Amino acid sequence: MTLIPIDFVMALVNFMKLFIVIPTYNEAENIKAITTELLALPTPGYENHILIVDDDSPDGTGDIADKLAQRNPGKVFVLHRHQDHGLGRAYIDGFKYALNLGADVIVQMDADFSHSPLYIPQFLDILQNQPDVDVVVGSRYVEGGQLDEDWSWWRRFLSWWANAIYARIILNLSVKDGTAGFKAWRRTTLEGIGLDRIKSNGYVFQVEMAYVAEKLGYKAVELPIYFEDRRIGKSKMSVPVKIEAALRTWQIRMRHHNLTPKDRLV
């Protein structure tokens, strides 16, 4: 009889569920490639799952996602949203869906390879070895972080201004990349925040999550990343979207400025 090492048995017992949540709108040219890369990603100690949250993409992204789920049962999931479209609500619905499926850690990221999957094992390593860390932020604005060299000076300036000046001063944020969309959340952090508390639907969702997490006393660690420009397709961060985010930052402050760690839900 072959004996199974006790360490191996314990590793199976202690496996944690990782869900990588990817919101999509017209990402037909990217979704298969990013899913394939994520499925091949080494995540020791975790069961790796992918949740694609599609907002009725007219280019067929949702159909491609369904086929990926059929080919990878129990690994790839698809959530089709037919109303209340927008990045913020897509993430909220995706987070809730993943939590209902038992997620222990939820990674949020874009589908366009702006966020390299290769950073995810580093996110998980931080969470595993630093139990006091509640969320890991893939940051462009800490030492070692970098923006794509092909970005124009104007795009660089707007991004820097939104983070280093506007959001950080208005909200007194400690994190240097308040608009970061590449993060790893502990389950308990999202439960404590209370996702129904988050009202933003556009890109300012990222700022609201960062602000509420800080007001509630959750600890964030920023991991420097290289932020690559999307490989295929057109960016959805238009000037009107950026202006809307700037204006709504004031609403976020008014809505949550009285929060303290006593207001955590768990």
C-alpha atoms as a PDB file:
ATOM      1  CA  MET A   1       0.000   0.000   0.000  1.00  0.00           C
ATOM      2  CA  THR A   2       1.310   3.437  -0.938  1.00  0.00           C
ATOM      3  CA  LEU A   3       1.160   5.993   1.847  1.00  0.00           C
ATOM      4  CA  ILE A   4       0.208   9.560   0.953  1.00  0.00           C
ATOM      5  CA  PRO A   5       2.432  12.151   2.662  1.00  0.00           C
ATOM      6  CA  ILE A   6       0.557  14.023   5.377  1.00  0.00           C
ATOM      7  CA  ASP A   7       1.834  17.365   4.012  1.00  0.00           C
ATOM      8  CA  PHE A   8       0.154  16.619   0.689  1.00  0.00           C
ATOM      9  CA  VAL A   9      -3.120  15.737   2.394  1.00  0.00           C
ATOM     10  CA  MET A  10      -3.027  18.921   4.473  1.00  0.00           C
ATOM     11  CA  ALA A  11      -2.307  20.978   1.354  1.00  0.00           C
ATOM     12  CA  LEU A  12      -5.479  19.617  -0.239  1.00  0.00           C
ATOM     13  CA  VAL A  13      -7.516  20.260   2.878  1.00  0.00           C
ATOM     14  CA  ASN A  14      -6.228  23.829   3.134  1.00  0.00           C
ATOM     15  CA  PHE A  15      -6.691  24.767  -0.526  1.00  0.00           C
ATOM     16  CA  MET A  16      -8.205  28.237  -0.840  1.00  0.00           C
ATOM     17  CA  LYS A  17     -10.500  29.421  -3.611  1.00  0.00           C
ATOM     18  CA  LEU A  18      -9.143  32.170  -5.845  1.00  0.00           C
ATOM     19  CA  PHE A  19     -11.542  33.949  -8.189  1.00  0.00           C
ATOM     20  CA  ILE A  20     -10.191  36.305 -10.841  1.00  0.00           C
ATOM     21  CA  VAL A  21     -12.986  38.675 -11.816  1.00  0.00           C
ATOM     22  CA  ILE A  22     -12.746  40.240 -15.280  1.00  0.00           C
ATOM     23  CA  PRO A  23     -15.401  42.727 -16.457  1.00  0.00           C
ATOM     24  CA  THR A  24     -15.779  42.857 -20.237  1.00  0.00           C
ATOM     25  CA  TYR A  25     -17.335  45.056 -22.865  1.00  0.00           C
ATOM     26  CA  ASN A  26     -16.219  44.427 -26.451  1.00  0.00           C
ATOM     27  CA  GLU A  27     -13.177  42.336 -25.560  1.00  0.00           C
ATOM     28  CA  ALA A  28     -13.723  39.553 -28.104  1.00  0.00           C
ATOM     29  CA  GLU A  29     -10.143  39.835 -29.332  1.00  0.00           C
ATOM     30  CA  ASN A  30      -8.653  39.593 -25.835  1.00  0.00           C
ATOM     31  CA  ILE A  31     -10.814  37.355 -23.678  1.00  0.00           C
ATOM     32  CA  LYS A  32      -9.639  33.966 -24.963  1.00  0.00           C
ATOM     33  CA  ALA A  33      -5.962  34.883 -24.693  1.00  0.00           C
ATOM     34  CA  ILE A  34      -6.235  36.349 -21.183  1.00  0.00           C
ATOM     35  CA  THR A  35      -8.304  33.382 -19.983  1.00  0.00           C
ATOM     36  CA  THR A  36      -5.815  30.895 -21.396  1.00  0.00           C
ATOM     37  CA  GLU A  37      -2.930  32.672 -19.680  1.00  0.00           C
ATOM     38  CA  LEU A  38      -4.766  32.853 -16.365  1.00  0.00           C
ATOM     39  CA  LEU A  39      -5.676  29.159 -16.440  1.00  0.00           C
ATOM     40  CA  ALA A  40      -2.003  28.288 -16.896  1.00  0.00           C
ATOM     41  CA  LEU A  41      -0.949  30.533 -14.020  1.00  0.00           C
ATOM     42  CA  PRO A  42       0.766  28.788 -11.077  1.00  0.00           C
ATOM     43  CA  THR A  43      -1.166  29.567  -7.897  1.00  0.00           C
ATOM     44  CA  PRO A  44       0.173  27.171  -5.217  1.00  0.00           C
ATOM     45  CA  GLY A  45      -2.275  26.631  -2.397  1.00  0.00           C
ATOM     46  CA  TYR A  46      -5.218  27.959  -4.387  1.00  0.00           C
ATOM     47  CA  GLU A  47      -7.952  26.593  -6.607  1.00  0.00           C
ATOM     48  CA  ASN A  48      -7.848  28.969  -9.554  1.00  0.00           C
ATOM     49  CA  HIS A  49     -11.195  30.163 -10.984  1.00  0.00           C
ATOM     50  CA  ILE A  50     -12.038  32.846 -13.537  1.00  0.00           C
ATOM     51  CA  LEU A  51     -15.261  34.837 -13.597  1.00  0.00           C
ATOM     52  CA  ILE A  52     -16.006  36.843 -16.745  1.00  0.00           C
ATOM     53  CA  VAL A  53     -18.648  39.536 -16.202  1.00  0.00           C
ATOM     54  CA  ASP A  54     -19.953  40.661 -19.576  1.00  0.00           C
ATOM     55  CA  ASP A  55     -22.159  43.711 -20.173  1.00  0.00           C
ATOM     56  CA  ASP A  56     -24.001  42.583 -23.332  1.00  0.00           C
ATOM     57  CA  SER A  57     -20.957  43.111 -25.564  1.00  0.00           C
ATOM     58  CA  PRO A  58     -22.197  43.548 -29.158  1.00  0.00           C
ATOM     59  CA  ASP A  59     -18.939  42.086 -30.512  1.00  0.00           C
ATOM     60  CA  GLY A  60     -19.693  38.586 -29.194  1.00  0.00           C
ATOM     61  CA  THR A  61     -17.466  38.599 -26.109  1.00  0.00           C
ATOM     62  CA  GLY A  62     -20.207  36.912 -24.082  1.00  0.00           C
ATOM     63  CA  ASP A  63     -20.546  34.033 -26.572  1.00  0.00           C
ATOM     64  CA  ILE A  64     -16.783  33.445 -26.545  1.00  0.00           C
ATOM     65  CA  ALA A  65     -16.838  33.488 -22.752  1.00  0.00           C
ATOM     66  CA  ASP A  66     -19.617  30.887 -22.701  1.00  0.00           C
ATOM     67  CA  LYS A  67     -17.548  28.576 -24.918  1.00  0.00           C
ATOM     68  CA  LEU A  68     -14.548  29.011 -22.623  1.00  0.00           C
ATOM     69  CA  ALA A  69     -16.740  28.060 -19.658  1.00  0.00           C
ATOM     70  CA  GLN A  70     -18.013  24.964 -21.497  1.00  0.00           C
ATOM     71  CA  ARG A  71     -14.441  23.867 -22.210  1.00  0.00           C
ATOM     72  CA  ASN A  72     -13.352  24.513 -18.635  1.00  0.00           C
ATOM     73  CA  PRO A  73     -16.236  23.427 -16.382  1.00  0.00           C
ATOM     74  CA  GLY A  74     -15.789  24.402 -12.767  1.00  0.00           C
ATOM     75  CA  LYS A  75     -12.882  26.692 -13.678  1.00  0.00           C
ATOM     76  CA  VAL A  76     -14.382  29.402 -15.877  1.00  0.00           C
ATOM     77  CA  PHE A  77     -17.692  31.069 -15.040  1.00  0.00           C
ATOM     78  CA  VAL A  78     -19.657  33.705 -16.948  1.00  0.00           C
ATOM     79  CA  LEU A  79     -22.049  36.296 -15.574  1.00  0.00           C
ATOM     80  CA  HIS A  80     -24.141  38.044 -18.239  1.00  0.00           C
ATOM     81  CA  ARG A  81     -25.466  41.440 -17.189  1.00  0.00           C
ATOM     82  CA  HIS A  82     -28.391  42.789 -19.207  1.00  0.00           C
ATOM     83  CA  GLN A  83     -29.089  46.028 -17.362  1.00  0.00           C
ATOM     84  CA  ASP A  84     -27.438  48.671 -15.186  1.00  0.00           C
ATOM     85  CA  HIS A  85     -24.264  48.429 -17.277  1.00  0.00           C
ATOM     86  CA  GLY A  86     -20.996  49.970 -16.149  1.00  0.00           C
ATOM     87  CA  LEU A  87     -17.636  49.011 -14.671  1.00  0.00           C
ATOM     88  CA  GLY A  88     -18.532  49.615 -11.050  1.00  0.00           C
ATOM     89  CA  ARG A  89     -21.722  47.599 -11.044  1.00  0.00           C
ATOM     90  CA  ALA A  90     -20.035  44.844 -13.048  1.00  0.00           C
ATOM     91  CA  TYR A  91     -17.391  44.506 -10.342  1.00  0.00           C
ATOM     92  CA  ILE A  92     -19.930  44.605  -7.519  1.00  0.00           C
ATOM     93  CA  ASP A  93     -22.041  41.898  -9.167  1.00  0.00           C
ATOM     94  CA  GLY A  94     -18.910  39.885  -9.928  1.00  0.00           C
ATOM     95  CA  PHE A  95     -17.603  40.158  -6.371  1.00  0.00           C
ATOM     96  CA  LYS A  96     -20.954  39.042  -4.951  1.00  0.00           C
ATOM     97  CA  TYR A  97     -21.130  36.130  -7.393  1.00  0.00           C
ATOM     98  CA  ALA A  98     -17.618  34.992  -6.468  1.00  0.00           C
ATOM     99  CA  LEU A  99     -18.297  35.324  -2.742  1.00  0.00           C
ATOM    100  CA  ASN A 100     -21.435  33.208  -3.140  1.00  0.00           C
ATOM    101  CA  LEU A 101     -19.276  30.534  -4.791  1.00  0.00           C
ATOM    102  CA  GLY A 102     -16.982  30.493  -1.769  1.00  0.00           C
ATOM    103  CA  ALA A 103     -14.103  32.713  -2.900  1.00  0.00           C
ATOM    104  CA  ASP A 104     -11.400  33.260  -0.262  1.00  0.00           C
ATOM    105  CA  VAL A 105      -9.453  35.741  -2.399  1.00  0.00           C
ATOM    106  CA  ILE A 106     -10.765  37.827  -5.282  1.00  0.00           C
ATOM    107  CA  VAL A 107      -8.472  39.411  -7.860  1.00  0.00           C
ATOM    108  CA  GLN A 108      -9.884  42.177 -10.052  1.00  0.00           C
ATOM    109  CA  MET A 109      -8.217  42.978 -13.364  1.00  0.00           C
ATOM    110  CA  ASP A 110      -8.761  44.182 -16.926  1.00  0.00           C
ATOM    111  CA  ALA A 111      -9.136  41.865 -19.894  1.00  0.00           C
ATOM    112  CA  ASP A 112      -6.780  43.786 -22.191  1.00  0.00           C
ATOM    113  CA  PHE A 113      -3.379  42.754 -20.728  1.00  0.00           C
ATOM    114  CA  SER A 114      -2.818  46.182 -19.189  1.00  0.00           C
ATOM    115  CA  HIS A 115      -2.551  44.119 -16.010  1.00  0.00           C
ATOM    116  CA  SER A 116      -0.088  41.277 -16.447  1.00  0.00           C
ATOM    117  CA  PRO A 117      -1.300  37.954 -14.984  1.00  0.00           C
ATOM    118  CA  LEU A 118       2.295  37.303 -13.900  1.00  0.00           C
ATOM    119  CA  TYR A 119       1.840  39.640 -10.931  1.00  0.00           C
ATOM    120  CA  ILE A 120      -0.964  37.549  -9.429  1.00  0.00           C
ATOM    121  CA  PRO A 121       1.314  34.971  -7.718  1.00  0.00           C
ATOM    122  CA  GLN A 122       3.105  37.919  -6.081  1.00  0.00           C
ATOM    123  CA  PHE A 123      -0.245  39.263  -4.836  1.00  0.00           C
ATOM    124  CA  LEU A 124      -1.070  35.879  -3.348  1.00  0.00           C
ATOM    125  CA  ASP A 125       2.356  35.540  -1.774  1.00  0.00           C
ATOM    126  CA  ILE A 126       1.860  38.831   0.073  1.00  0.00           C
ATOM    127  CA  LEU A 127      -1.557  37.764   1.360  1.00  0.00           C
ATOM    128  CA  GLN A 128      -0.226  34.378   2.455  1.00  0.00           C
ATOM    129  CA  ASN A 129       2.819  35.729   4.280  1.00  0.00           C
ATOM    130  CA  GLN A 130       1.438  38.983   5.673  1.00  0.00           C
ATOM    131  CA  PRO A 131      -1.818  38.182   7.501  1.00  0.00           C
ATOM    132  CA  ASP A 132      -2.309  41.833   8.481  1.00  0.00           C
ATOM    133  CA  VAL A 133      -2.623  42.882   4.816  1.00  0.00           C
ATOM    134  CA  ASP A 134      -6.235  43.166   3.655  1.00  0.00           C
ATOM    135  CA  VAL A 135      -5.796  44.161   0.005  1.00  0.00           C
ATOM    136  CA  VAL A 136      -2.857  44.167  -2.417  1.00  0.00           C
ATOM    137  CA  VAL A 137      -2.815  46.963  -4.991  1.00  0.00           C
ATOM    138  CA  GLY A 138      -0.966  46.724  -8.298  1.00  0.00           C
ATOM    139  CA  SER A 139       0.453  50.240  -8.276  1.00  0.00           C
ATOM    140  CA  ARG A 140       1.880  52.398 -11.034  1.00  0.00           C
ATOM    141  CA  TYR A 141       2.932  55.162  -8.668  1.00  0.00           C
ATOM    142  CA  VAL A 142       5.115  53.572  -6.005  1.00  0.00           C
ATOM    143  CA  GLU A 143       8.852  53.175  -6.471  1.00  0.00           C
ATOM    144  CA  GLY A 144       9.417  50.599  -9.195  1.00  0.00           C
ATOM    145  CA  GLY A 145       6.011  51.142 -10.814  1.00  0.00           C
ATOM    146  CA  GLN A 146       5.966  52.188 -14.445  1.00  0.00           C
ATOM    147  CA  LEU A 147       3.606  53.329 -17.192  1.00  0.00           C
ATOM    148  CA  ASP A 148       3.802  52.176 -20.792  1.00  0.00           C
ATOM    149  CA  GLU A 149       6.484  54.130 -22.656  1.00  0.00           C
ATOM    150  CA  ASP A 150       4.068  54.780 -25.523  1.00  0.00           C
ATOM    151  CA  TRP A 151       1.702  56.854 -23.396  1.00  0.00           C
ATOM    152  CA  SER A 152       1.560  60.509 -24.463  1.00  0.00           C
ATOM    153  CA  TRP A 153       2.736  63.188 -22.029  1.00  0.00           C
ATOM    154  CA  TRP A 154      -0.865  64.392 -21.748  1.00  0.00           C
ATOM    155  CA  ARG A 155      -2.179  60.954 -20.790  1.00  0.00           C
ATOM    156  CA  ARG A 156       0.646  60.561 -18.266  1.00  0.00           C
ATOM    157  CA  PHE A 157      -0.109  63.970 -16.803  1.00  0.00           C
ATOM    158  CA  LEU A 158      -3.856  63.262 -16.443  1.00  0.00           C
ATOM    159  CA  SER A 159      -3.216  59.924 -14.759  1.00  0.00           C
ATOM    160  CA  TRP A 160      -0.612  61.390 -12.394  1.00  0.00           C
ATOM    161  CA  TRP A 161      -2.817  64.381 -11.577  1.00  0.00           C
ATOM    162  CA  ALA A 162      -5.865  62.203 -10.871  1.00  0.00           C
ATOM    163  CA  ASN A 163      -3.872  60.069  -8.436  1.00  0.00           C
ATOM    164  CA  ALA A 164      -1.156  62.199  -6.891  1.00  0.00           C
ATOM    165  CA  ILE A 165      -3.055  65.464  -6.724  1.00  0.00           C
ATOM    166  CA  TYR A 166      -6.806  65.227  -7.103  1.00  0.00           C
ATOM    167  CA  ALA A 167      -7.939  62.018  -5.378  1.00  0.00           C
ATOM    168  CA  ARG A 168      -5.190  61.929  -2.750  1.00  0.00           C
ATOM    169  CA  ILE A 169      -5.694  65.535  -1.640  1.00  0.00           C
ATOM    170  CA  ILE A 170      -9.508  65.549  -1.701  1.00  0.00           C
ATOM    171  CA  LEU A 171      -9.817  62.183   0.022  1.00  0.00           C
ATOM    172  CA  ASN A 172      -6.541  62.182   1.966  1.00  0.00           C
ATOM    173  CA  LEU A 173      -5.734  58.773   0.526  1.00  0.00           C
ATOM    174  CA  SER A 174      -2.634  56.961   1.714  1.00  0.00           C
ATOM    175  CA  VAL A 175      -2.376  54.721  -1.349  1.00  0.00           C
ATOM    176  CA  LYS A 176      -0.497  56.379  -4.179  1.00  0.00           C
ATOM    177  CA  ASP A 177      -2.510  54.696  -6.935  1.00  0.00           C
ATOM    178  CA  GLY A 178      -6.092  55.433  -5.927  1.00  0.00           C
ATOM    179  CA  THR A 179      -7.471  54.646  -9.372  1.00  0.00           C
ATOM    180  CA  ALA A 180      -5.753  51.257  -9.626  1.00  0.00           C
ATOM    181  CA  GLY A 181      -7.920  48.533 -11.116  1.00  0.00           C
ATOM    182  CA  PHE A 182      -5.599  45.595 -10.399  1.00  0.00           C
ATOM    183  CA  LYS A 183      -6.088  44.346  -6.829  1.00  0.00           C
ATOM    184  CA  ALA A 184      -6.320  41.222  -4.695  1.00  0.00           C
ATOM    185  CA  TRP A 185      -8.946  41.352  -1.942  1.00  0.00           C
ATOM    186  CA  ARG A 186      -9.414  39.050   0.988  1.00  0.00           C
ATOM    187  CA  ARG A 187     -12.954  37.738   1.348  1.00  0.00           C
ATOM    188  CA  THR A 188     -13.204  39.195   4.837  1.00  0.00           C
ATOM    189  CA  THR A 189     -12.222  42.644   3.544  1.00  0.00           C
ATOM    190  CA  LEU A 190     -15.005  42.757   0.958  1.00  0.00           C
ATOM    191  CA  GLU A 191     -17.498  41.423   3.493  1.00  0.00           C
ATOM    192  CA  GLY A 192     -16.423  44.057   5.997  1.00  0.00           C
ATOM    193  CA  ILE A 193     -16.672  46.863   3.439  1.00  0.00           C
ATOM    194  CA  GLY A 194     -20.214  45.861   2.522  1.00  0.00           C
ATOM    195  CA  LEU A 195     -20.542  45.969  -1.246  1.00  0.00           C
ATOM    196  CA  ASP A 196     -24.001  47.542  -1.115  1.00  0.00           C
ATOM    197  CA  ARG A 197     -22.296  50.580   0.401  1.00  0.00           C
ATOM    198  CA  ILE A 198     -20.463  51.250  -2.880  1.00  0.00           C
ATOM    199  CA  LYS A 199     -22.541  53.353  -5.282  1.00  0.00           C
ATOM    200  CA  SER A 200     -20.133  54.345  -8.087  1.00  0.00           C
ATOM    201  CA  ASN A 201     -20.743  52.807 -11.483  1.00  0.00           C
ATOM    202  CA  GLY A 202     -17.949  54.224 -13.649  1.00  0.00           C
ATOM    203  CA  TYR A 203     -14.176  54.199 -13.285  1.00  0.00           C
ATOM    204  CA  VAL A 204     -14.472  56.227 -10.068  1.00  0.00           C
ATOM    205  CA  PHE A 205     -15.548  52.913  -8.521  1.00  0.00           C
ATOM    206  CA  GLN A 206     -11.851  52.228  -7.980  1.00  0.00           C
ATOM    207  CA  VAL A 207     -11.468  55.452  -5.981  1.00  0.00           C
ATOM    208  CA  GLU A 208     -14.546  54.740  -3.872  1.00  0.00           C
ATOM    209  CA  MET A 209     -13.321  51.255  -2.989  1.00  0.00           C
ATOM    210  CA  ALA A 210      -9.894  52.593  -2.035  1.00  0.00           C
ATOM    211  CA  TYR A 211     -11.387  55.380   0.094  1.00  0.00           C
ATOM    212  CA  VAL A 212     -13.920  53.205   1.921  1.00  0.00           C
ATOM    213  CA  ALA A 213     -11.290  50.536   2.612  1.00  0.00           C
ATOM    214  CA  GLU A 214      -8.978  53.138   4.165  1.00  0.00           C
ATOM    215  CA  LYS A 215     -11.730  54.795   6.200  1.00  0.00           C
ATOM    216  CA  LEU A 216     -12.658  51.390   7.615  1.00  0.00           C
ATOM    217  CA  GLY A 217      -9.044  50.813   8.642  1.00  0.00           C
ATOM    218  CA  TYR A 218      -8.098  48.082   6.187  1.00  0.00           C
ATOM    219  CA  LYS A 219      -4.412  47.772   5.364  1.00  0.00           C
ATOM    220  CA  ALA A 220      -3.305  48.013   1.727  1.00  0.00           C
ATOM    221  CA  VAL A 221       0.096  47.096   0.321  1.00  0.00           C
ATOM    222  CA  GLU A 222       1.073  48.533  -3.044  1.00  0.00           C
ATOM    223  CA  LEU A 223       3.093  46.248  -5.312  1.00  0.00           C
ATOM    224  CA  PRO A 224       4.871  48.102  -8.134  1.00  0.00           C
ATOM    225  CA  ILE A 225       3.719  47.006 -11.576  1.00  0.00           C
ATOM    226  CA  TYR A 226       4.438  47.843 -15.186  1.00  0.00           C
ATOM    227  CA  PHE A 227       1.175  49.094 -16.676  1.00  0.00           C
ATOM    228  CA  GLU A 228       1.133  48.102 -20.328  1.00  0.00           C
ATOM    229  CA  ASP A 229      -1.115  49.858 -22.820  1.00  0.00           C
ATOM    230  CA  ARG A 230      -3.844  47.571 -24.141  1.00  0.00           C
ATOM    231  CA  ARG A 231      -2.560  45.253 -26.862  1.00  0.00           C
ATOM    232  CA  ILE A 232      -5.762  45.126 -28.901  1.00  0.00           C
ATOM    233  CA  GLY A 233      -8.812  47.366 -29.063  1.00  0.00           C
ATOM    234  CA  LYS A 234      -9.576  50.899 -27.974  1.00  0.00           C
ATOM    235  CA  SER A 235      -9.320  52.323 -24.470  1.00  0.00           C
ATOM    236  CA  LYS A 236     -12.648  53.156 -22.802  1.00  0.00           C
ATOM    237  CA  MET A 237     -11.084  55.916 -20.664  1.00  0.00           C
ATOM    238  CA  SER A 238     -12.282  58.932 -22.647  1.00  0.00           C
ATOM    239  CA  VAL A 239     -11.912  62.543 -21.507  1.00  0.00           C
ATOM    240  CA  PRO A 240     -15.623  62.794 -20.510  1.00  0.00           C
ATOM    241  CA  VAL A 241     -15.205  59.652 -18.385  1.00  0.00           C
ATOM    242  CA  LYS A 242     -12.230  61.227 -16.612  1.00  0.00           C
ATOM    243  CA  ILE A 243     -14.110  64.472 -15.999  1.00  0.00           C
ATOM    244  CA  GLU A 244     -17.060  62.562 -14.555  1.00  0.00           C
ATOM    245  CA  ALA A 245     -14.711  60.651 -12.243  1.00  0.00           C
ATOM    246  CA  ALA A 246     -13.158  63.908 -11.009  1.00  0.00           C
ATOM    247  CA  LEU A 247     -16.550  65.409 -10.184  1.00  0.00           C
ATOM    248  CA  ARG A 248     -17.841  62.293  -8.459  1.00  0.00           C
ATOM    249  CA  THR A 249     -14.800  62.169  -6.179  1.00  0.00           C
ATOM    250  CA  TRP A 250     -16.429  64.942  -4.136  1.00  0.00           C
ATOM    251  CA  GLN A 251     -19.597  62.840  -3.817  1.00  0.00           C
ATOM    252  CA  ILE A 252     -17.523  59.957  -2.489  1.00  0.00           C
ATOM    253  CA  ARG A 253     -16.043  62.176   0.194  1.00  0.00           C
ATOM    254  CA  MET A 254     -19.457  63.454   1.279  1.00  0.00           C
ATOM    255  CA  ARG A 255     -20.917  59.942   1.311  1.00  0.00           C
ATOM    256  CA  HIS A 256     -18.227  58.204   3.362  1.00  0.00           C
ATOM    257  CA  HIS A 257     -16.205  60.793   5.322  1.00  0.00           C
ATOM    258  CA  ASN A 258     -17.724  59.736   8.653  1.00  0.00           C
ATOM    259  CA  LEU A 259     -16.787  56.055   8.329  1.00  0.00           C
ATOM    260  CA  THR A 260     -14.508  54.496  10.960  1.00  0.00           C
ATOM    261  CA  PRO A 261     -13.306  50.935  11.609  1.00  0.00           C
ATOM    262  CA  LYS A 262     -16.338  50.523  13.888  1.00  0.00           C
ATOM    263  CA  ASP A 263     -18.477  50.611  10.747  1.00  0.00           C
ATOM    264  CA  ARG A 264     -17.090  47.370   9.357  1.00  0.00           C
ATOM    265  CA  LEU A 265     -19.871  44.884   8.717  1.00  0.00           C
ATOM    266  CA  VAL A 266     -17.856  41.868   9.933  1.00  0.00           C
END
